[in-house]
């Protein structure tokens, strides 16, 4: 949905990351597309 923000995705996908581990924390990456053809899509690195 257009009102989705990165924090919403972090709230859902953050559960799959061990934030105690610096390596896992650094690998967790959210790229939410807000403009153009890619709008409403996101890439999440776990």
ModelCIF file with pLDDT and N, C-alpha, C, O atoms, coordinates in Angstrom:
data_MODEL
#
_entry.id   MODEL 
#
_entity.id                         1 
_entity.type                       polymer 
_entity.pdbx_number_of_molecules   1 
#
_entity_poly.entity_id                      1 
_entity_poly.type                           'polypeptide(L)' 
_entity_poly.nstd_linkage                   no 
_entity_poly.nstd_monomer                   no 
_entity_poly.pdbx_seq_one_letter_code       
;(UNK)(UNK)(UNK)(UNK)(UNK)(UNK)(UNK)(UNK)(UNK)(UNK)(UNK)(UNK)(UNK)(UNK)(UNK)(UNK)
(UNK)(UNK)(UNK)(UNK)(UNK)(UNK)(UNK)(UNK)(UNK)(UNK)(UNK)(UNK)(UNK)(UNK)(UNK)(UNK)
(UNK)(UNK)(UNK)(UNK)(UNK)(UNK)(UNK)(UNK)(UNK)(UNK)(UNK)(UNK)(UNK)(UNK)
;
_entity_poly.pdbx_seq_one_letter_code_can   XXXXXXXXXXXXXXXXXXXXXXXXXXXXXXXXXXXXXXXXXXXXXX 
_entity_poly.pdbx_strand_id                 A 
#
loop_
_entity_poly_seq.entity_id 
_entity_poly_seq.num 
_entity_poly_seq.mon_id 
_entity_poly_seq.hetero 
1 1  UNK n 
1 2  UNK n 
1 3  UNK n 
1 4  UNK n 
1 5  UNK n 
1 6  UNK n 
1 7  UNK n 
1 8  UNK n 
1 9  UNK n 
1 10 UNK n 
1 11 UNK n 
1 12 UNK n 
1 13 UNK n 
1 14 UNK n 
1 15 UNK n 
1 16 UNK n 
1 17 UNK n 
1 18 UNK n 
1 19 UNK n 
1 20 UNK n 
1 21 UNK n 
1 22 UNK n 
1 23 UNK n 
1 24 UNK n 
1 25 UNK n 
1 26 UNK n 
1 27 UNK n 
1 28 UNK n 
1 29 UNK n 
1 30 UNK n 
1 31 UNK n 
1 32 UNK n 
1 33 UNK n 
1 34 UNK n 
1 35 UNK n 
1 36 UNK n 
1 37 UNK n 
1 38 UNK n 
1 39 UNK n 
1 40 UNK n 
1 41 UNK n 
1 42 UNK n 
1 43 UNK n 
1 44 UNK n 
1 45 UNK n 
1 46 UNK n 
#
_struct_asym.id          A 
_struct_asym.entity_id   1 
#
loop_
_ma_qa_metric.id 
_ma_qa_metric.mode 
_ma_qa_metric.name 
_ma_qa_metric.software_group_id 
_ma_qa_metric.type 
1 global pLDDT . pLDDT 
2 local  pLDDT . pLDDT 
#
_ma_qa_metric_global.metric_id      1 
_ma_qa_metric_global.metric_value   95.09 
_ma_qa_metric_global.model_id       1 
_ma_qa_metric_global.ordinal_id     1 
#
loop_
_ma_qa_metric_local.label_asym_id 
_ma_qa_metric_local.label_comp_id 
_ma_qa_metric_local.label_seq_id 
_ma_qa_metric_local.metric_id 
_ma_qa_metric_local.metric_value 
_ma_qa_metric_local.model_id 
_ma_qa_metric_local.ordinal_id 
A UNK 1  2 96.00 1 1  
A UNK 2  2 93.00 1 2  
A UNK 3  2 95.00 1 3  
A UNK 4  2 96.00 1 4  
A UNK 5  2 96.00 1 5  
A UNK 6  2 96.00 1 6  
A UNK 7  2 96.00 1 7  
A UNK 8  2 97.00 1 8  
A UNK 9  2 97.00 1 9  
A UNK 10 2 97.00 1 10 
A UNK 11 2 97.00 1 11 
A UNK 12 2 97.00 1 12 
A UNK 13 2 97.00 1 13 
A UNK 14 2 97.00 1 14 
A UNK 15 2 96.00 1 15 
A UNK 16 2 96.00 1 16 
A UNK 17 2 96.00 1 17 
A UNK 18 2 95.00 1 18 
A UNK 19 2 93.00 1 19 
A UNK 20 2 94.00 1 20 
A UNK 21 2 95.00 1 21 
A UNK 22 2 95.00 1 22 
A UNK 23 2 95.00 1 23 
A UNK 24 2 96.00 1 24 
A UNK 25 2 94.00 1 25 
A UNK 26 2 94.00 1 26 
A UNK 27 2 95.00 1 27 
A UNK 28 2 96.00 1 28 
A UNK 29 2 96.00 1 29 
A UNK 30 2 97.00 1 30 
A UNK 31 2 96.00 1 31 
A UNK 32 2 97.00 1 32 
A UNK 33 2 94.00 1 33 
A UNK 34 2 90.00 1 34 
A UNK 35 2 89.00 1 35 
A UNK 36 2 89.00 1 36 
A UNK 37 2 89.00 1 37 
A UNK 38 2 90.00 1 38 
A UNK 39 2 93.00 1 39 
A UNK 40 2 95.00 1 40 
A UNK 41 2 97.00 1 41 
A UNK 42 2 97.00 1 42 
A UNK 43 2 97.00 1 43 
A UNK 44 2 97.00 1 44 
A UNK 45 2 97.00 1 45 
A UNK 46 2 97.00 1 46 
#
loop_
_atom_site.group_PDB 
_atom_site.id 
_atom_site.type_symbol 
_atom_site.label_atom_id 
_atom_site.label_alt_id 
_atom_site.label_comp_id 
_atom_site.label_asym_id 
_atom_site.label_entity_id 
_atom_site.label_seq_id 
_atom_site.pdbx_PDB_ins_code 
_atom_site.Cartn_x 
_atom_site.Cartn_y 
_atom_site.Cartn_z 
_atom_site.occupancy 
_atom_site.B_iso_or_equiv 
_atom_site.pdbx_formal_charge 
_atom_site.auth_seq_id 
_atom_site.auth_comp_id 
_atom_site.auth_asym_id 
_atom_site.auth_atom_id 
_atom_site.pdbx_PDB_model_num 
ATOM 1   N N  . UNK A 1 1  ? 0.848  -1.199  0.000   1.00 96.00 ? 1  UNK A N  1 
ATOM 2   C CA . UNK A 1 1  ? 0.000  0.000   0.000   1.00 96.00 ? 1  UNK A CA 1 
ATOM 3   C C  . UNK A 1 1  ? 0.884  1.251   0.000   1.00 96.00 ? 1  UNK A C  1 
ATOM 4   O O  . UNK A 1 1  ? 2.021  1.222   0.472   1.00 96.00 ? 1  UNK A O  1 
ATOM 5   N N  . UNK A 1 2  ? 0.345  2.342   -0.535  1.00 93.00 ? 2  UNK A N  1 
ATOM 6   C CA . UNK A 1 2  ? 1.200  3.536   -0.665  1.00 93.00 ? 2  UNK A CA 1 
ATOM 7   C C  . UNK A 1 2  ? 1.617  4.143   0.678   1.00 93.00 ? 2  UNK A C  1 
ATOM 8   O O  . UNK A 1 2  ? 2.614  4.861   0.752   1.00 93.00 ? 2  UNK A O  1 
ATOM 9   N N  . UNK A 1 3  ? 0.853  3.854   1.741   1.00 95.00 ? 3  UNK A N  1 
ATOM 10  C CA . UNK A 1 3  ? 1.239  4.424   3.048   1.00 95.00 ? 3  UNK A CA 1 
ATOM 11  C C  . UNK A 1 3  ? 2.270  3.577   3.801   1.00 95.00 ? 3  UNK A C  1 
ATOM 12  O O  . UNK A 1 3  ? 2.694  3.948   4.896   1.00 95.00 ? 3  UNK A O  1 
ATOM 13  N N  . UNK A 1 4  ? 2.673  2.448   3.222   1.00 96.00 ? 4  UNK A N  1 
ATOM 14  C CA . UNK A 1 4  ? 3.687  1.602   3.879   1.00 96.00 ? 4  UNK A CA 1 
ATOM 15  C C  . UNK A 1 4  ? 5.019  2.358   3.942   1.00 96.00 ? 4  UNK A C  1 
ATOM 16  O O  . UNK A 1 4  ? 5.463  2.955   2.962   1.00 96.00 ? 4  UNK A O  1 
ATOM 17  N N  . UNK A 1 5  ? 5.636  2.313   5.119   1.00 96.00 ? 5  UNK A N  1 
ATOM 18  C CA . UNK A 1 5  ? 6.950  2.940   5.294   1.00 96.00 ? 5  UNK A CA 1 
ATOM 19  C C  . UNK A 1 5  ? 7.967  1.866   5.676   1.00 96.00 ? 5  UNK A C  1 
ATOM 20  O O  . UNK A 1 5  ? 7.616  0.727   5.987   1.00 96.00 ? 5  UNK A O  1 
ATOM 21  N N  . UNK A 1 6  ? 9.233  2.266   5.641   1.00 96.00 ? 6  UNK A N  1 
ATOM 22  C CA . UNK A 1 6  ? 10.298 1.296   5.969   1.00 96.00 ? 6  UNK A CA 1 
ATOM 23  C C  . UNK A 1 6  ? 10.115 0.729   7.377   1.00 96.00 ? 6  UNK A C  1 
ATOM 24  O O  . UNK A 1 6  ? 10.376 -0.449  7.619   1.00 96.00 ? 6  UNK A O  1 
ATOM 25  N N  . UNK A 1 7  ? 9.665  1.576   8.298   1.00 96.00 ? 7  UNK A N  1 
ATOM 26  C CA . UNK A 1 7  ? 9.493  1.091   9.686   1.00 96.00 ? 7  UNK A CA 1 
ATOM 27  C C  . UNK A 1 7  ? 8.442  -0.024  9.758   1.00 96.00 ? 7  UNK A C  1 
ATOM 28  O O  . UNK A 1 7  ? 8.543  -0.916  10.600  1.00 96.00 ? 7  UNK A O  1 
ATOM 29  N N  . UNK A 1 8  ? 7.425  0.025   8.869   1.00 97.00 ? 8  UNK A N  1 
ATOM 30  C CA . UNK A 1 8  ? 6.414  -1.046  8.860   1.00 97.00 ? 8  UNK A CA 1 
ATOM 31  C C  . UNK A 1 8  ? 7.050  -2.363  8.424   1.00 97.00 ? 8  UNK A C  1 
ATOM 32  O O  . UNK A 1 8  ? 6.748  -3.427  8.964   1.00 97.00 ? 8  UNK A O  1 
ATOM 33  N N  . UNK A 1 9  ? 7.935  -2.267  7.436   1.00 97.00 ? 9  UNK A N  1 
ATOM 34  C CA . UNK A 1 9  ? 8.608  -3.479  6.945   1.00 97.00 ? 9  UNK A CA 1 
ATOM 35  C C  . UNK A 1 9  ? 9.614  -3.988  7.974   1.00 97.00 ? 9  UNK A C  1 
ATOM 36  O O  . UNK A 1 9  ? 9.809  -5.192  8.136   1.00 97.00 ? 9  UNK A O  1 
ATOM 37  N N  . UNK A 1 10 ? 10.245 -3.046  8.661   1.00 97.00 ? 10 UNK A N  1 
ATOM 38  C CA . UNK A 1 10 ? 11.197 -3.458  9.707   1.00 97.00 ? 10 UNK A CA 1 
ATOM 39  C C  . UNK A 1 10 ? 10.445 -4.172  10.833  1.00 97.00 ? 10 UNK A C  1 
ATOM 40  O O  . UNK A 1 10 ? 10.944 -5.139  11.409  1.00 97.00 ? 10 UNK A O  1 
ATOM 41  N N  . UNK A 1 11 ? 9.238  -3.682  11.139  1.00 97.00 ? 11 UNK A N  1 
ATOM 42  C CA . UNK A 1 11 ? 8.412  -4.272  12.201  1.00 97.00 ? 11 UNK A CA 1 
ATOM 43  C C  . UNK A 1 11 ? 8.083  -5.731  11.870  1.00 97.00 ? 11 UNK A C  1 
ATOM 44  O O  . UNK A 1 11 ? 8.023  -6.577  12.762  1.00 97.00 ? 11 UNK A O  1 
ATOM 45  N N  . UNK A 1 12 ? 7.871  -6.017  10.585  1.00 97.00 ? 12 UNK A N  1 
ATOM 46  C CA . UNK A 1 12 ? 7.523  -7.381  10.177  1.00 97.00 ? 12 UNK A CA 1 
ATOM 47  C C  . UNK A 1 12 ? 8.773  -8.241  9.977   1.00 97.00 ? 12 UNK A C  1 
ATOM 48  O O  . UNK A 1 12 ? 8.869  -9.342  10.519  1.00 97.00 ? 12 UNK A O  1 
ATOM 49  N N  . UNK A 1 13 ? 9.724  -7.731  9.196   1.00 97.00 ? 13 UNK A N  1 
ATOM 50  C CA . UNK A 1 13 ? 10.870 -8.575  8.815   1.00 97.00 ? 13 UNK A CA 1 
ATOM 51  C C  . UNK A 1 13 ? 12.032 -8.512  9.812   1.00 97.00 ? 13 UNK A C  1 
ATOM 52  O O  . UNK A 1 13 ? 12.967 -9.307  9.725   1.00 97.00 ? 13 UNK A O  1 
ATOM 53  N N  . UNK A 1 14 ? 11.972 -7.575  10.750  1.00 97.00 ? 14 UNK A N  1 
ATOM 54  C CA . UNK A 1 14 ? 13.017 -7.493  11.767  1.00 97.00 ? 14 UNK A CA 1 
ATOM 55  C C  . UNK A 1 14 ? 13.031 -8.712  12.678  1.00 97.00 ? 14 UNK A C  1 
ATOM 56  O O  . UNK A 1 14 ? 14.042 -9.006  13.316  1.00 97.00 ? 14 UNK A O  1 
ATOM 57  N N  . UNK A 1 15 ? 11.900 -9.423  12.736  1.00 96.00 ? 15 UNK A N  1 
ATOM 58  C CA . UNK A 1 15 ? 11.830 -10.613 13.600  1.00 96.00 ? 15 UNK A CA 1 
ATOM 59  C C  . UNK A 1 15 ? 12.747 -11.733 13.107  1.00 96.00 ? 15 UNK A C  1 
ATOM 60  O O  . UNK A 1 15 ? 13.035 -12.669 13.853  1.00 96.00 ? 15 UNK A O  1 
ATOM 61  N N  . UNK A 1 16 ? 13.205 -11.645 11.864  1.00 96.00 ? 16 UNK A N  1 
ATOM 62  C CA . UNK A 1 16 ? 14.071 -12.704 11.306  1.00 96.00 ? 16 UNK A CA 1 
ATOM 63  C C  . UNK A 1 16 ? 15.556 -12.356 11.432  1.00 96.00 ? 16 UNK A C  1 
ATOM 64  O O  . UNK A 1 16 ? 16.418 -13.041 10.883  1.00 96.00 ? 16 UNK A O  1 
ATOM 65  N N  . UNK A 1 17 ? 15.834 -11.277 12.168  1.00 96.00 ? 17 UNK A N  1 
ATOM 66  C CA . UNK A 1 17 ? 17.220 -10.822 12.305  1.00 96.00 ? 17 UNK A CA 1 
ATOM 67  C C  . UNK A 1 17 ? 17.605 -10.811 13.779  1.00 96.00 ? 17 UNK A C  1 
ATOM 68  O O  . UNK A 1 17 ? 16.829 -10.382 14.633  1.00 96.00 ? 17 UNK A O  1 
ATOM 69  N N  . UNK A 1 18 ? 18.799 -11.283 14.060  1.00 95.00 ? 18 UNK A N  1 
ATOM 70  C CA . UNK A 1 18 ? 19.303 -11.242 15.431  1.00 95.00 ? 18 UNK A CA 1 
ATOM 71  C C  . UNK A 1 18 ? 20.055 -9.923  15.609  1.00 95.00 ? 18 UNK A C  1 
ATOM 72  O O  . UNK A 1 18 ? 21.197 -9.792  15.171  1.00 95.00 ? 18 UNK A O  1 
ATOM 73  N N  . UNK A 1 19 ? 19.413 -8.953  16.249  1.00 93.00 ? 19 UNK A N  1 
ATOM 74  C CA . UNK A 1 19 ? 20.024 -7.630  16.372  1.00 93.00 ? 19 UNK A CA 1 
ATOM 75  C C  . UNK A 1 19 ? 21.160 -7.598  17.391  1.00 93.00 ? 19 UNK A C  1 
ATOM 76  O O  . UNK A 1 19 ? 21.863 -6.595  17.512  1.00 93.00 ? 19 UNK A O  1 
ATOM 77  N N  . UNK A 1 20 ? 21.338 -8.700  18.125  1.00 94.00 ? 20 UNK A N  1 
ATOM 78  C CA . UNK A 1 20 ? 22.476 -8.800  19.036  1.00 94.00 ? 20 UNK A CA 1 
ATOM 79  C C  . UNK A 1 20 ? 23.763 -9.002  18.229  1.00 94.00 ? 20 UNK A C  1 
ATOM 80  O O  . UNK A 1 20 ? 24.858 -8.663  18.678  1.00 94.00 ? 20 UNK A O  1 
ATOM 81  N N  . UNK A 1 21 ? 23.600 -9.560  17.032  1.00 95.00 ? 21 UNK A N  1 
ATOM 82  C CA . UNK A 1 21 ? 24.771 -9.848  16.190  1.00 95.00 ? 21 UNK A CA 1 
ATOM 83  C C  . UNK A 1 21 ? 25.015 -8.687  15.227  1.00 95.00 ? 21 UNK A C  1 
ATOM 84  O O  . UNK A 1 21 ? 24.141 -8.309  14.447  1.00 95.00 ? 21 UNK A O  1 
ATOM 85  N N  . UNK A 1 22 ? 26.208 -8.142  15.303  1.00 95.00 ? 22 UNK A N  1 
ATOM 86  C CA . UNK A 1 22 ? 26.535 -6.989  14.431  1.00 95.00 ? 22 UNK A CA 1 
ATOM 87  C C  . UNK A 1 22 ? 26.494 -7.387  12.961  1.00 95.00 ? 22 UNK A C  1 
ATOM 88  O O  . UNK A 1 22 ? 26.058 -6.609  12.112  1.00 95.00 ? 22 UNK A O  1 
ATOM 89  N N  . UNK A 1 23 ? 26.950 -8.603  12.664  1.00 95.00 ? 23 UNK A N  1 
ATOM 90  C CA . UNK A 1 23 ? 26.963 -9.085  11.273  1.00 95.00 ? 23 UNK A CA 1 
ATOM 91  C C  . UNK A 1 23 ? 25.529 -9.124  10.725  1.00 95.00 ? 23 UNK A C  1 
ATOM 92  O O  . UNK A 1 23 ? 25.260 -8.614  9.638   1.00 95.00 ? 23 UNK A O  1 
ATOM 93  N N  . UNK A 1 24 ? 24.612 -9.738  11.493  1.00 96.00 ? 24 UNK A N  1 
ATOM 94  C CA . UNK A 1 24 ? 23.219 -9.845  11.028  1.00 96.00 ? 24 UNK A CA 1 
ATOM 95  C C  . UNK A 1 24 ? 22.575 -8.461  10.917  1.00 96.00 ? 24 UNK A C  1 
ATOM 96  O O  . UNK A 1 24 ? 21.812 -8.180  9.993   1.00 96.00 ? 24 UNK A O  1 
ATOM 97  N N  . UNK A 1 25 ? 22.905 -7.617  11.877  1.00 94.00 ? 25 UNK A N  1 
ATOM 98  C CA . UNK A 1 25 ? 22.332 -6.260  11.887  1.00 94.00 ? 25 UNK A CA 1 
ATOM 99  C C  . UNK A 1 25 ? 22.751 -5.509  10.628  1.00 94.00 ? 25 UNK A C  1 
ATOM 100 O O  . UNK A 1 25 ? 21.946 -4.808  10.013  1.00 94.00 ? 25 UNK A O  1 
ATOM 101 N N  . UNK A 1 26 ? 24.016 -5.660  10.252  1.00 94.00 ? 26 UNK A N  1 
ATOM 102 C CA . UNK A 1 26 ? 24.521 -4.960  9.060   1.00 94.00 ? 26 UNK A CA 1 
ATOM 103 C C  . UNK A 1 26 ? 23.954 -5.532  7.771   1.00 94.00 ? 26 UNK A C  1 
ATOM 104 O O  . UNK A 1 26 ? 23.823 -4.819  6.776   1.00 94.00 ? 26 UNK A O  1 
ATOM 105 N N  . UNK A 1 27 ? 23.619 -6.808  7.787   1.00 95.00 ? 27 UNK A N  1 
ATOM 106 C CA . UNK A 1 27 ? 23.093 -7.438  6.565   1.00 95.00 ? 27 UNK A CA 1 
ATOM 107 C C  . UNK A 1 27 ? 21.612 -7.127  6.355   1.00 95.00 ? 27 UNK A C  1 
ATOM 108 O O  . UNK A 1 27 ? 21.093 -7.260  5.246   1.00 95.00 ? 27 UNK A O  1 
ATOM 109 N N  . UNK A 1 28 ? 20.939 -6.715  7.425   1.00 96.00 ? 28 UNK A N  1 
ATOM 110 C CA . UNK A 1 28 ? 19.508 -6.402  7.321   1.00 96.00 ? 28 UNK A CA 1 
ATOM 111 C C  . UNK A 1 28 ? 19.359 -5.067  6.597   1.00 96.00 ? 28 UNK A C  1 
ATOM 112 O O  . UNK A 1 28 ? 19.851 -4.034  7.051   1.00 96.00 ? 28 UNK A O  1 
ATOM 113 N N  . UNK A 1 29 ? 18.677 -5.115  5.474   1.00 96.00 ? 29 UNK A N  1 
ATOM 114 C CA . UNK A 1 29 ? 18.637 -3.932  4.619   1.00 96.00 ? 29 UNK A CA 1 
ATOM 115 C C  . UNK A 1 29 ? 17.251 -3.834  3.970   1.00 96.00 ? 29 UNK A C  1 
ATOM 116 O O  . UNK A 1 29 ? 16.766 -4.798  3.376   1.00 96.00 ? 29 UNK A O  1 
ATOM 117 N N  . UNK A 1 30 ? 16.630 -2.675  4.088   1.00 97.00 ? 30 UNK A N  1 
ATOM 118 C CA . UNK A 1 30 ? 15.303 -2.498  3.482   1.00 97.00 ? 30 UNK A CA 1 
ATOM 119 C C  . UNK A 1 30 ? 15.380 -1.407  2.419   1.00 97.00 ? 30 UNK A C  1 
ATOM 120 O O  . UNK A 1 30 ? 15.797 -0.282  2.697   1.00 97.00 ? 30 UNK A O  1 
ATOM 121 N N  . UNK A 1 31 ? 14.976 -1.749  1.214   1.00 96.00 ? 31 UNK A N  1 
ATOM 122 C CA . UNK A 1 31 ? 14.896 -0.736  0.149   1.00 96.00 ? 31 UNK A CA 1 
ATOM 123 C C  . UNK A 1 31 ? 13.454 -0.667  -0.317  1.00 96.00 ? 31 UNK A C  1 
ATOM 124 O O  . UNK A 1 31 ? 12.984 -1.523  -1.067  1.00 96.00 ? 31 UNK A O  1 
ATOM 125 N N  . UNK A 1 32 ? 12.771 0.349   0.133   1.00 97.00 ? 32 UNK A N  1 
ATOM 126 C CA . UNK A 1 32 ? 11.364 0.517   -0.241  1.00 97.00 ? 32 UNK A CA 1 
ATOM 127 C C  . UNK A 1 32 ? 11.281 1.517   -1.386  1.00 97.00 ? 32 UNK A C  1 
ATOM 128 O O  . UNK A 1 32 ? 11.764 2.645   -1.280  1.00 97.00 ? 32 UNK A O  1 
ATOM 129 N N  . UNK A 1 33 ? 10.663 1.087   -2.479  1.00 94.00 ? 33 UNK A N  1 
ATOM 130 C CA . UNK A 1 33 ? 10.530 1.960   -3.647  1.00 94.00 ? 33 UNK A CA 1 
ATOM 131 C C  . UNK A 1 33 ? 9.269  2.811   -3.506  1.00 94.00 ? 33 UNK A C  1 
ATOM 132 O O  . UNK A 1 33 ? 8.165  2.291   -3.343  1.00 94.00 ? 33 UNK A O  1 
ATOM 133 N N  . UNK A 1 34 ? 9.454  4.124   -3.571  1.00 90.00 ? 34 UNK A N  1 
ATOM 134 C CA . UNK A 1 34 ? 8.304  5.007   -3.363  1.00 90.00 ? 34 UNK A CA 1 
ATOM 135 C C  . UNK A 1 34 ? 7.918  5.779   -4.622  1.00 90.00 ? 34 UNK A C  1 
ATOM 136 O O  . UNK A 1 34 ? 6.887  6.451   -4.659  1.00 90.00 ? 34 UNK A O  1 
ATOM 137 N N  . UNK A 1 35 ? 8.743  5.678   -5.635  1.00 89.00 ? 35 UNK A N  1 
ATOM 138 C CA . UNK A 1 35 ? 8.450  6.442   -6.849  1.00 89.00 ? 35 UNK A CA 1 
ATOM 139 C C  . UNK A 1 35 ? 8.620  5.582   -8.098  1.00 89.00 ? 35 UNK A C  1 
ATOM 140 O O  . UNK A 1 35 ? 9.250  4.524   -8.071  1.00 89.00 ? 35 UNK A O  1 
ATOM 141 N N  . UNK A 1 36 ? 8.039  6.068   -9.188  1.00 89.00 ? 36 UNK A N  1 
ATOM 142 C CA . UNK A 1 36 ? 8.213  5.414   -10.485 1.00 89.00 ? 36 UNK A CA 1 
ATOM 143 C C  . UNK A 1 36 ? 7.527  4.070   -10.594 1.00 89.00 ? 36 UNK A C  1 
ATOM 144 O O  . UNK A 1 36 ? 6.602  3.760   -9.843  1.00 89.00 ? 36 UNK A O  1 
ATOM 145 N N  . UNK A 1 37 ? 8.001  3.273   -11.548 1.00 89.00 ? 37 UNK A N  1 
ATOM 146 C CA . UNK A 1 37 ? 7.365  1.978   -11.828 1.00 89.00 ? 37 UNK A CA 1 
ATOM 147 C C  . UNK A 1 37 ? 7.506  0.994   -10.677 1.00 89.00 ? 37 UNK A C  1 
ATOM 148 O O  . UNK A 1 37 ? 6.675  0.102   -10.505 1.00 89.00 ? 37 UNK A O  1 
ATOM 149 N N  . UNK A 1 38 ? 8.545  1.159   -9.905  1.00 90.00 ? 38 UNK A N  1 
ATOM 150 C CA . UNK A 1 38 ? 8.810  0.219   -8.812  1.00 90.00 ? 38 UNK A CA 1 
ATOM 151 C C  . UNK A 1 38 ? 8.031  0.558   -7.540  1.00 90.00 ? 38 UNK A C  1 
ATOM 152 O O  . UNK A 1 38 ? 8.200  -0.107  -6.519  1.00 90.00 ? 38 UNK A O  1 
ATOM 153 N N  . UNK A 1 39 ? 7.199  1.562   -7.590  1.00 93.00 ? 39 UNK A N  1 
ATOM 154 C CA . UNK A 1 39 ? 6.436  1.992   -6.416  1.00 93.00 ? 39 UNK A CA 1 
ATOM 155 C C  . UNK A 1 39 ? 5.619  0.815   -5.847  1.00 93.00 ? 39 UNK A C  1 
ATOM 156 O O  . UNK A 1 39 ? 5.056  0.015   -6.594  1.00 93.00 ? 39 UNK A O  1 
ATOM 157 N N  . UNK A 1 40 ? 5.569  0.734   -4.524  1.00 95.00 ? 40 UNK A N  1 
ATOM 158 C CA . UNK A 1 40 ? 4.808  -0.354  -3.897  1.00 95.00 ? 40 UNK A CA 1 
ATOM 159 C C  . UNK A 1 40 ? 5.577  -1.656  -3.842  1.00 95.00 ? 40 UNK A C  1 
ATOM 160 O O  . UNK A 1 40 ? 5.005  -2.721  -3.607  1.00 95.00 ? 40 UNK A O  1 
ATOM 161 N N  . UNK A 1 41 ? 6.895  -1.561  -4.063  1.00 97.00 ? 41 UNK A N  1 
ATOM 162 C CA . UNK A 1 41 ? 7.732  -2.763  -4.001  1.00 97.00 ? 41 UNK A CA 1 
ATOM 163 C C  . UNK A 1 41 ? 8.911  -2.503  -3.068  1.00 97.00 ? 41 UNK A C  1 
ATOM 164 O O  . UNK A 1 41 ? 9.288  -1.358  -2.820  1.00 97.00 ? 41 UNK A O  1 
ATOM 165 N N  . UNK A 1 42 ? 9.466  -3.562  -2.571  1.00 97.00 ? 42 UNK A N  1 
ATOM 166 C CA . UNK A 1 42 ? 10.606 -3.414  -1.663  1.00 97.00 ? 42 UNK A CA 1 
ATOM 167 C C  . UNK A 1 42 ? 11.536 -4.612  -1.784  1.00 97.00 ? 42 UNK A C  1 
ATOM 168 O O  . UNK A 1 42 ? 11.112 -5.728  -2.083  1.00 97.00 ? 42 UNK A O  1 
ATOM 169 N N  . UNK A 1 43 ? 12.815 -4.349  -1.544  1.00 97.00 ? 43 UNK A N  1 
ATOM 170 C CA . UNK A 1 43 ? 13.816 -5.418  -1.477  1.00 97.00 ? 43 UNK A CA 1 
ATOM 171 C C  . UNK A 1 43 ? 14.334 -5.448  -0.053  1.00 97.00 ? 43 UNK A C  1 
ATOM 172 O O  . UNK A 1 43 ? 14.705 -4.418  0.509   1.00 97.00 ? 43 UNK A O  1 
ATOM 173 N N  . UNK A 1 44 ? 14.354 -6.628  0.517   1.00 97.00 ? 44 UNK A N  1 
ATOM 174 C CA . UNK A 1 44 ? 14.802 -6.740  1.902   1.00 97.00 ? 44 UNK A CA 1 
ATOM 175 C C  . UNK A 1 44 ? 15.935 -7.755  1.993   1.00 97.00 ? 44 UNK A C  1 
ATOM 176 O O  . UNK A 1 44 ? 15.777 -8.919  1.624   1.00 97.00 ? 44 UNK A O  1 
ATOM 177 N N  . UNK A 1 45 ? 17.061 -7.300  2.484   1.00 97.00 ? 45 UNK A N  1 
ATOM 178 C CA . UNK A 1 45 ? 18.218 -8.181  2.659   1.00 97.00 ? 45 UNK A CA 1 
ATOM 179 C C  . UNK A 1 45 ? 18.179 -8.775  4.054   1.00 97.00 ? 45 UNK A C  1 
ATOM 180 O O  . UNK A 1 45 ? 18.084 -8.055  5.048   1.00 97.00 ? 45 UNK A O  1 
ATOM 181 N N  . UNK A 1 46 ? 18.254 -10.093 4.117   1.00 97.00 ? 46 UNK A N  1 
ATOM 182 C CA . UNK A 1 46 ? 18.248 -10.785 5.416   1.00 97.00 ? 46 UNK A CA 1 
ATOM 183 C C  . UNK A 1 46 ? 19.585 -11.490 5.622   1.00 97.00 ? 46 UNK A C  1 
ATOM 184 O O  . UNK A 1 46 ? 19.792 -12.133 6.651   1.00 97.00 ? 46 UNK A O  1 
#
